[in-house]
């Protein structure tokens, strides 16, 4: 019985730790897309992209080059102020901050994803 309680306690701690990661589902999705682009390979997120959204290999390669030039990806945090229907993120790299915008359809699939360098002074809140 004591081993059972210890196992339950361990499970509760692991669940609590996972919940403390601070990432919401949109941040996780933006992180996954950003990493896929950086790896110049959208296959890991292909199922997350809405049907009919066309992205060429050349576009992905150009995006990959730009983002990889910013160094290691450090964090992706959702921003409070964003246009209706969009999710905006402050993305920190070793060398620079970026702002990403992502729009999802009613099935939760990505229909738009874009990024640009943050203005001098950092990501707007």
N, C-alpha and C. Protein backbone atom coordinates (compact mmCIF):
# COMPACT_ATOMS: atom_id res chain seq x y z
N UNK A 1 0.82 -1.19 0.00
CA UNK A 1 0.00 0.00 0.00
C UNK A 1 0.87 1.26 0.00
N UNK A 2 1.97 1.22 0.75
CA UNK A 2 2.87 2.38 0.80
C UNK A 2 3.48 2.63 -0.58
N UNK A 3 3.85 1.56 -1.29
CA UNK A 3 4.43 1.70 -2.63
C UNK A 3 3.40 2.31 -3.59
N UNK A 4 2.14 1.92 -3.41
CA UNK A 4 1.07 2.46 -4.26
C UNK A 4 0.92 3.96 -4.03
N UNK A 5 0.95 4.40 -2.77
CA UNK A 5 0.85 5.83 -2.47
C UNK A 5 2.05 6.59 -3.02
N UNK A 6 3.24 5.99 -2.92
CA UNK A 6 4.44 6.64 -3.45
C UNK A 6 4.33 6.80 -4.96
N UNK A 7 3.80 5.78 -5.61
CA UNK A 7 3.63 5.84 -7.06
C UNK A 7 2.62 6.93 -7.44
N UNK A 8 1.52 7.03 -6.68
CA UNK A 8 0.53 8.08 -6.93
C UNK A 8 1.12 9.46 -6.70
N UNK A 9 1.92 9.60 -5.66
CA UNK A 9 2.56 10.88 -5.38
C UNK A 9 3.51 11.26 -6.51
N UNK A 10 4.30 10.29 -6.98
CA UNK A 10 5.22 10.54 -8.09
C UNK A 10 4.45 10.96 -9.34
N UNK A 11 3.35 10.28 -9.63
CA UNK A 11 2.54 10.62 -10.80
C UNK A 11 1.97 12.03 -10.66
N UNK A 12 1.51 12.40 -9.47
CA UNK A 12 0.97 13.73 -9.25
C UNK A 12 2.05 14.80 -9.43
N UNK A 13 3.25 14.52 -8.96
CA UNK A 13 4.35 15.47 -9.11
C UNK A 13 4.70 15.65 -10.59
N UNK A 14 4.74 14.55 -11.34
CA UNK A 14 5.06 14.64 -12.76
C UNK A 14 3.99 15.43 -13.53
N UNK A 15 2.74 15.22 -13.19
CA UNK A 15 1.65 15.96 -13.83
C UNK A 15 1.76 17.44 -13.48
N UNK A 16 2.04 17.74 -12.22
CA UNK A 16 2.18 19.14 -11.81
C UNK A 16 3.36 19.80 -12.51
N UNK A 17 4.47 19.08 -12.65
CA UNK A 17 5.63 19.64 -13.33
C UNK A 17 5.31 19.91 -14.80
N UNK A 18 4.60 19.00 -15.43
CA UNK A 18 4.23 19.19 -16.84
C UNK A 18 3.33 20.41 -16.98
N UNK A 19 2.44 20.62 -16.02
CA UNK A 19 1.55 21.75 -16.05
C UNK A 19 2.26 23.07 -15.80
N UNK A 20 3.42 23.02 -15.21
CA UNK A 20 4.17 24.24 -14.90
C UNK A 20 5.05 24.69 -16.05
N UNK A 21 5.01 23.98 -17.15
CA UNK A 21 5.88 24.35 -18.26
C UNK A 21 5.56 25.75 -18.77
N UNK A 22 4.33 26.20 -18.53
CA UNK A 22 3.95 27.55 -18.91
C UNK A 22 3.52 27.69 -20.35
N UNK A 23 3.75 26.70 -21.17
CA UNK A 23 3.37 26.81 -22.57
C UNK A 23 1.90 26.45 -22.75
N UNK A 24 1.16 27.31 -23.48
CA UNK A 24 -0.19 26.92 -23.83
C UNK A 24 -0.15 26.19 -25.18
N UNK A 25 -1.29 25.70 -25.64
CA UNK A 25 -1.29 24.89 -26.86
C UNK A 25 -0.86 25.70 -28.08
N UNK A 26 -1.15 26.99 -28.08
CA UNK A 26 -0.75 27.83 -29.22
C UNK A 26 0.76 28.06 -29.22
N UNK A 27 1.33 28.24 -28.04
CA UNK A 27 2.78 28.38 -27.93
C UNK A 27 3.47 27.09 -28.37
N UNK A 28 2.93 25.95 -27.97
CA UNK A 28 3.51 24.66 -28.39
C UNK A 28 3.45 24.51 -29.91
N UNK A 29 2.31 24.91 -30.49
CA UNK A 29 2.17 24.80 -31.95
C UNK A 29 3.14 25.74 -32.66
N UNK A 30 3.23 26.98 -32.20
CA UNK A 30 4.16 27.94 -32.81
C UNK A 30 5.60 27.45 -32.66
N UNK A 31 5.93 26.89 -31.52
CA UNK A 31 7.27 26.34 -31.29
C UNK A 31 7.55 25.20 -32.27
N UNK A 32 6.56 24.31 -32.44
CA UNK A 32 6.74 23.17 -33.37
C UNK A 32 6.94 23.66 -34.80
N UNK A 33 6.15 24.64 -35.24
CA UNK A 33 6.28 25.16 -36.60
C UNK A 33 7.63 25.86 -36.76
N UNK A 34 8.01 26.66 -35.78
CA UNK A 34 9.30 27.37 -35.85
C UNK A 34 10.46 26.38 -35.96
N UNK A 35 10.43 25.34 -35.13
CA UNK A 35 11.51 24.33 -35.17
C UNK A 35 11.52 23.59 -36.50
N UNK A 36 10.33 23.27 -37.02
CA UNK A 36 10.26 22.58 -38.31
C UNK A 36 10.85 23.46 -39.41
N UNK A 37 10.52 24.75 -39.38
CA UNK A 37 11.08 25.67 -40.38
C UNK A 37 12.59 25.76 -40.21
N UNK A 38 13.06 25.90 -38.98
CA UNK A 38 14.50 25.97 -38.75
C UNK A 38 15.22 24.72 -39.26
N UNK A 39 14.54 23.57 -39.15
CA UNK A 39 15.12 22.31 -39.65
C UNK A 39 14.91 22.13 -41.15
N UNK A 40 14.28 23.13 -41.80
CA UNK A 40 14.04 23.09 -43.24
C UNK A 40 13.23 21.85 -43.64
N UNK A 41 12.26 21.48 -42.78
CA UNK A 41 11.49 20.27 -43.01
C UNK A 41 10.13 20.41 -42.33
N UNK A 42 9.09 20.65 -43.10
CA UNK A 42 7.75 20.81 -42.54
C UNK A 42 7.04 19.48 -42.30
N UNK A 43 7.66 18.36 -42.65
CA UNK A 43 6.98 17.07 -42.47
C UNK A 43 6.49 16.83 -41.04
N UNK A 44 7.25 17.20 -40.00
CA UNK A 44 6.75 16.95 -38.64
C UNK A 44 5.46 17.71 -38.30
N UNK A 45 5.17 18.80 -39.01
CA UNK A 45 3.96 19.58 -38.73
C UNK A 45 2.98 19.56 -39.89
N UNK A 46 3.22 18.73 -40.89
CA UNK A 46 2.36 18.69 -42.07
C UNK A 46 0.91 18.45 -41.70
N UNK A 47 0.66 17.59 -40.72
CA UNK A 47 -0.71 17.32 -40.28
C UNK A 47 -1.35 18.47 -39.54
N UNK A 48 -0.56 19.45 -39.13
CA UNK A 48 -1.07 20.63 -38.42
C UNK A 48 -1.40 21.77 -39.36
N UNK A 49 -1.08 21.62 -40.63
CA UNK A 49 -1.30 22.67 -41.62
C UNK A 49 -2.57 22.35 -42.41
N UNK A 50 -3.44 23.34 -42.55
CA UNK A 50 -4.71 23.14 -43.24
C UNK A 50 -4.49 22.73 -44.69
N UNK A 51 -5.40 21.92 -45.19
CA UNK A 51 -5.36 21.51 -46.59
C UNK A 51 -5.47 22.74 -47.48
N UNK A 52 -4.74 22.75 -48.56
CA UNK A 52 -4.79 23.85 -49.50
C UNK A 52 -3.79 24.96 -49.23
N UNK A 53 -3.12 24.92 -48.08
CA UNK A 53 -2.09 25.93 -47.80
C UNK A 53 -0.83 25.49 -48.52
N UNK A 54 -0.38 26.30 -49.45
CA UNK A 54 0.78 25.96 -50.26
C UNK A 54 2.01 26.70 -49.76
N UNK A 55 3.01 25.93 -49.40
CA UNK A 55 4.30 26.49 -48.99
C UNK A 55 5.36 25.75 -49.81
N UNK A 56 6.16 26.49 -50.53
CA UNK A 56 7.17 25.85 -51.37
C UNK A 56 8.42 25.50 -50.57
N UNK A 57 9.18 24.58 -51.08
CA UNK A 57 10.45 24.21 -50.44
C UNK A 57 11.42 25.39 -50.44
N UNK A 58 11.33 26.22 -51.48
CA UNK A 58 12.19 27.40 -51.55
C UNK A 58 11.84 28.37 -50.42
N UNK A 59 10.54 28.59 -50.18
CA UNK A 59 10.13 29.46 -49.08
C UNK A 59 10.65 28.94 -47.75
N UNK A 60 10.47 27.65 -47.51
CA UNK A 60 10.91 27.05 -46.24
C UNK A 60 12.42 27.18 -46.11
N UNK A 61 13.16 26.97 -47.18
CA UNK A 61 14.62 27.10 -47.13
C UNK A 61 15.04 28.53 -46.81
N UNK A 62 14.37 29.50 -47.40
CA UNK A 62 14.69 30.91 -47.12
C UNK A 62 14.37 31.24 -45.66
N UNK A 63 13.21 30.81 -45.19
CA UNK A 63 12.84 31.05 -43.79
C UNK A 63 13.83 30.37 -42.86
N UNK A 64 14.21 29.15 -43.21
CA UNK A 64 15.15 28.39 -42.39
C UNK A 64 16.48 29.13 -42.27
N UNK A 65 16.98 29.62 -43.40
CA UNK A 65 18.24 30.37 -43.38
C UNK A 65 18.14 31.58 -42.46
N UNK A 66 17.05 32.35 -42.61
CA UNK A 66 16.90 33.55 -41.79
C UNK A 66 16.85 33.21 -40.29
N UNK A 67 16.01 32.25 -39.93
CA UNK A 67 15.86 31.93 -38.51
C UNK A 67 17.11 31.28 -37.93
N UNK A 68 17.78 30.44 -38.69
CA UNK A 68 19.01 29.81 -38.19
C UNK A 68 20.12 30.83 -37.99
N UNK A 69 20.10 31.92 -38.73
CA UNK A 69 21.09 32.98 -38.53
C UNK A 69 20.92 33.69 -37.20
N UNK A 70 19.78 33.47 -36.54
CA UNK A 70 19.52 34.14 -35.26
C UNK A 70 20.04 33.35 -34.06
N UNK A 71 20.63 32.20 -34.30
CA UNK A 71 21.16 31.38 -33.21
C UNK A 71 20.10 30.44 -32.64
N UNK A 72 20.38 29.93 -31.48
CA UNK A 72 19.51 28.94 -30.83
C UNK A 72 18.16 29.56 -30.48
N UNK A 73 17.09 28.79 -30.71
CA UNK A 73 15.75 29.20 -30.31
C UNK A 73 15.65 29.07 -28.79
N UNK A 74 15.32 30.17 -28.11
CA UNK A 74 15.28 30.17 -26.65
C UNK A 74 13.86 30.05 -26.09
N UNK A 75 12.90 30.76 -26.69
CA UNK A 75 11.53 30.69 -26.16
C UNK A 75 10.52 31.22 -27.17
N UNK A 76 9.29 30.76 -26.98
CA UNK A 76 8.14 31.21 -27.77
C UNK A 76 7.04 31.51 -26.75
N UNK A 77 6.66 32.78 -26.63
CA UNK A 77 5.65 33.19 -25.64
C UNK A 77 4.54 33.97 -26.34
N UNK A 78 3.30 33.59 -26.06
CA UNK A 78 2.16 34.28 -26.66
C UNK A 78 2.05 35.69 -26.10
N UNK A 79 1.74 36.62 -26.98
CA UNK A 79 1.58 38.02 -26.61
C UNK A 79 0.10 38.33 -26.38
N UNK A 80 -0.16 39.26 -25.50
CA UNK A 80 -1.54 39.60 -25.15
C UNK A 80 -2.26 40.36 -26.26
N UNK A 81 -1.58 41.29 -26.90
CA UNK A 81 -2.23 42.14 -27.90
C UNK A 81 -1.97 41.61 -29.29
N UNK A 82 -3.04 41.17 -29.95
CA UNK A 82 -2.91 40.63 -31.30
C UNK A 82 -4.21 40.91 -32.06
N UNK A 83 -4.11 40.98 -33.36
CA UNK A 83 -5.30 41.20 -34.19
C UNK A 83 -6.31 40.08 -33.96
N UNK A 84 -7.60 40.38 -34.01
CA UNK A 84 -8.62 39.34 -33.84
C UNK A 84 -8.42 38.18 -34.83
N UNK A 85 -8.53 36.97 -34.32
CA UNK A 85 -8.38 35.78 -35.15
C UNK A 85 -6.95 35.28 -35.27
N UNK A 86 -6.01 36.03 -34.76
CA UNK A 86 -4.60 35.67 -34.83
C UNK A 86 -4.06 35.38 -33.44
N UNK A 87 -2.97 34.62 -33.40
CA UNK A 87 -2.19 34.41 -32.18
C UNK A 87 -0.80 34.98 -32.48
N UNK A 88 -0.32 35.84 -31.60
CA UNK A 88 0.98 36.49 -31.78
C UNK A 88 1.94 36.01 -30.70
N UNK A 89 3.21 35.91 -31.07
CA UNK A 89 4.21 35.35 -30.16
C UNK A 89 5.48 36.18 -30.20
N UNK A 90 6.08 36.35 -29.05
CA UNK A 90 7.42 36.88 -28.95
C UNK A 90 8.37 35.69 -28.99
N UNK A 91 9.26 35.68 -29.95
CA UNK A 91 10.18 34.54 -30.14
C UNK A 91 11.60 35.04 -29.89
N UNK A 92 12.24 34.43 -28.91
CA UNK A 92 13.60 34.82 -28.56
C UNK A 92 14.59 33.81 -29.11
N UNK A 93 15.57 34.34 -29.82
CA UNK A 93 16.71 33.56 -30.29
C UNK A 93 17.94 34.11 -29.57
N UNK A 94 19.04 33.42 -29.70
CA UNK A 94 20.28 33.90 -29.08
C UNK A 94 20.64 35.31 -29.54
N UNK A 95 20.48 35.58 -30.83
CA UNK A 95 20.98 36.82 -31.40
C UNK A 95 19.93 37.91 -31.62
N UNK A 96 18.66 37.55 -31.58
CA UNK A 96 17.63 38.53 -31.97
C UNK A 96 16.27 38.06 -31.49
N UNK A 97 15.34 38.99 -31.35
CA UNK A 97 13.95 38.65 -31.05
C UNK A 97 13.10 38.83 -32.31
N UNK A 98 12.09 38.00 -32.42
CA UNK A 98 11.16 38.04 -33.54
C UNK A 98 9.73 38.09 -33.02
N UNK A 99 8.84 38.47 -33.90
CA UNK A 99 7.41 38.38 -33.63
C UNK A 99 6.84 37.43 -34.68
N UNK A 100 6.08 36.45 -34.20
CA UNK A 100 5.40 35.51 -35.11
C UNK A 100 3.90 35.72 -34.97
N UNK A 101 3.20 35.48 -36.07
CA UNK A 101 1.74 35.51 -36.08
C UNK A 101 1.25 34.22 -36.71
N UNK A 102 0.22 33.64 -36.09
CA UNK A 102 -0.33 32.38 -36.57
C UNK A 102 -1.86 32.46 -36.50
N UNK A 103 -2.48 32.01 -37.58
CA UNK A 103 -3.94 31.96 -37.63
C UNK A 103 -4.36 30.53 -37.88
N UNK A 104 -5.39 30.08 -37.16
CA UNK A 104 -5.87 28.71 -37.26
C UNK A 104 -7.29 28.68 -37.81
N UNK A 105 -7.65 27.57 -38.47
CA UNK A 105 -9.02 27.42 -38.92
C UNK A 105 -9.87 26.84 -37.79
N UNK A 106 -11.14 26.54 -38.07
CA UNK A 106 -12.03 26.05 -37.02
C UNK A 106 -11.70 24.62 -36.58
N UNK A 107 -10.82 23.92 -37.28
CA UNK A 107 -10.35 22.60 -36.85
C UNK A 107 -9.01 22.69 -36.12
N UNK A 108 -8.52 23.90 -35.93
CA UNK A 108 -7.25 24.08 -35.23
C UNK A 108 -6.03 23.88 -36.13
N UNK A 109 -6.23 23.90 -37.43
CA UNK A 109 -5.12 23.74 -38.38
C UNK A 109 -4.57 25.11 -38.76
N UNK A 110 -3.28 25.18 -38.96
CA UNK A 110 -2.62 26.44 -39.32
C UNK A 110 -2.98 26.83 -40.75
N UNK A 111 -3.51 28.03 -40.91
CA UNK A 111 -3.82 28.55 -42.25
C UNK A 111 -2.89 29.69 -42.64
N UNK A 112 -2.30 30.36 -41.66
CA UNK A 112 -1.33 31.43 -41.91
C UNK A 112 -0.27 31.38 -40.81
N UNK A 113 0.97 31.60 -41.20
CA UNK A 113 2.07 31.70 -40.24
C UNK A 113 3.08 32.65 -40.85
N UNK A 114 3.46 33.65 -40.09
CA UNK A 114 4.43 34.62 -40.60
C UNK A 114 5.29 35.12 -39.45
N UNK A 115 6.41 35.70 -39.80
CA UNK A 115 7.31 36.21 -38.77
C UNK A 115 8.05 37.42 -39.30
N UNK A 116 8.54 38.23 -38.37
CA UNK A 116 9.41 39.35 -38.71
C UNK A 116 10.25 39.70 -37.49
N UNK A 117 11.36 40.36 -37.75
CA UNK A 117 12.22 40.79 -36.66
C UNK A 117 11.46 41.76 -35.77
N UNK A 118 11.67 41.63 -34.48
CA UNK A 118 11.07 42.56 -33.54
C UNK A 118 11.73 43.94 -33.72
N UNK A 119 10.99 44.99 -33.45
CA UNK A 119 11.56 46.33 -33.57
C UNK A 119 12.68 46.52 -32.53
N UNK A 120 13.54 47.50 -32.75
CA UNK A 120 14.56 47.79 -31.75
C UNK A 120 13.89 48.00 -30.39
N UNK A 121 14.48 47.44 -29.37
CA UNK A 121 13.88 47.54 -28.04
C UNK A 121 13.15 46.27 -27.66
N UNK A 122 12.97 45.35 -28.60
CA UNK A 122 12.39 44.06 -28.26
C UNK A 122 10.96 43.87 -28.70
N UNK A 123 10.42 42.77 -28.26
CA UNK A 123 9.06 42.35 -28.63
C UNK A 123 8.05 43.23 -27.91
N UNK A 124 7.08 43.78 -28.64
CA UNK A 124 6.03 44.57 -27.97
C UNK A 124 5.15 43.63 -27.15
N UNK A 125 4.70 44.10 -26.01
CA UNK A 125 3.86 43.26 -25.15
C UNK A 125 2.41 43.49 -25.53
